[in-house]
Amino acid sequence: MIEFSEEEKEILVQKIRNYFDSEHGMDLGQFDAEFVLKFFSEEMGAYFYNRGLLDAQAMLASRLEIIQDGIYELEKPTDFTK
């Protein structure tokens, strides 16, 4: 389960309430919105978290490739082979 600070939780709950009101015409109470947030956090949070980790790994691999290319460009020719 993803843990949010109280400030983050307040923001997310308000976003949930606004969504239900604007998209479904439902006036979702504070408790119900917190329940929705808890449900998504517990049941789907790990999927979003893992996707974020995969994205971070891909970005890091891309950056490391650029660094490796830069290091290769710094090599000086010698009589030794790799």
Protein backbone atom coordinates (compact mmCIF):
# COMPACT_ATOMS: atom_id res chain seq x y z
CA MET A 1 0.00 0.00 0.00
CA ILE A 2 1.25 3.46 -0.83
CA GLU A 3 1.40 5.77 2.17
CA PHE A 4 0.61 9.46 1.75
CA SER A 5 1.26 12.35 4.09
CA GLU A 6 -1.80 14.07 5.54
CA GLU A 7 -1.31 16.99 3.14
CA GLU A 8 -1.08 14.65 0.13
CA LYS A 9 -4.11 12.72 1.36
CA GLU A 10 -6.15 15.94 1.64
CA ILE A 11 -5.22 16.94 -1.91
CA LEU A 12 -6.03 13.50 -3.32
CA VAL A 13 -9.33 13.24 -1.47
CA GLN A 14 -10.35 16.65 -2.83
CA LYS A 15 -9.40 15.55 -6.36
CA ILE A 16 -11.54 12.42 -5.95
CA ARG A 17 -14.48 14.48 -4.71
CA ASN A 18 -14.10 16.94 -7.59
CA TYR A 19 -13.92 14.10 -10.11
CA PHE A 20 -17.07 12.39 -8.87
CA ASP A 21 -18.90 15.70 -8.80
CA SER A 22 -17.86 16.92 -12.27
CA GLU A 23 -17.92 13.59 -14.11
CA HIS A 24 -20.78 11.78 -12.39
CA GLY A 25 -22.77 14.50 -10.66
CA MET A 26 -22.20 12.77 -7.33
CA ASP A 27 -21.50 14.69 -4.14
CA LEU A 28 -19.04 12.29 -2.54
CA GLY A 29 -18.50 12.90 1.15
CA GLN A 30 -15.10 13.11 2.82
CA PHE A 31 -15.37 9.61 4.29
CA ASP A 32 -16.40 8.05 0.98
CA ALA A 33 -13.61 9.81 -0.90
CA GLU A 34 -11.09 8.60 1.68
CA PHE A 35 -12.47 5.07 1.25
CA VAL A 36 -12.00 5.31 -2.55
CA LEU A 37 -8.42 6.55 -2.05
CA LYS A 38 -7.69 3.72 0.39
CA PHE A 39 -9.17 1.14 -1.99
CA PHE A 40 -7.09 2.31 -4.96
CA SER A 41 -3.99 2.63 -2.81
CA GLU A 42 -4.31 -0.89 -1.40
CA GLU A 43 -5.57 -2.68 -4.50
CA MET A 44 -3.76 -0.86 -7.33
CA GLY A 45 -1.05 1.20 -5.71
CA ALA A 46 1.62 -1.48 -6.18
CA TYR A 47 0.91 -1.61 -9.93
CA PHE A 48 1.45 2.13 -10.30
CA TYR A 49 4.49 2.00 -8.02
CA ASN A 50 6.07 -0.85 -9.97
CA ARG A 51 5.40 0.91 -13.28
CA GLY A 52 7.17 3.97 -11.89
CA LEU A 53 10.14 1.81 -10.93
CA LEU A 54 10.28 0.33 -14.45
CA ASP A 55 10.18 3.82 -15.94
CA ALA A 56 12.97 4.93 -13.59
CA GLN A 57 15.08 1.88 -14.54
CA ALA A 58 14.59 2.59 -18.25
CA MET A 59 15.58 6.23 -17.79
CA LEU A 60 18.65 5.27 -15.77
CA ALA A 61 19.71 2.67 -18.36
CA SER A 62 19.38 5.30 -21.09
CA ARG A 63 21.51 7.78 -19.13
CA LEU A 64 24.12 5.12 -18.36
CA GLU A 65 24.36 4.30 -22.06
CA ILE A 66 25.09 7.97 -22.80
CA ILE A 67 27.77 7.99 -20.09
CA GLN A 68 29.31 4.78 -21.43
CA ASP A 69 29.42 6.29 -24.92
CA GLY A 70 31.09 9.40 -23.49
CA ILE A 71 33.71 7.30 -21.72
CA TYR A 72 34.36 5.34 -24.92
CA GLU A 73 34.95 8.64 -26.77
CA LEU A 74 37.59 9.58 -24.17
CA GLU A 75 39.67 6.49 -24.82
CA LYS A 76 43.03 7.06 -26.44
CA PRO A 77 44.34 4.67 -29.08
CA THR A 78 46.98 2.21 -27.87
CA ASP A 79 48.65 -0.94 -29.11
CA PHE A 80 46.54 -2.99 -26.70
CA THR A 81 43.26 -4.51 -27.76
CA LYS A 82 40.20 -4.81 -25.56
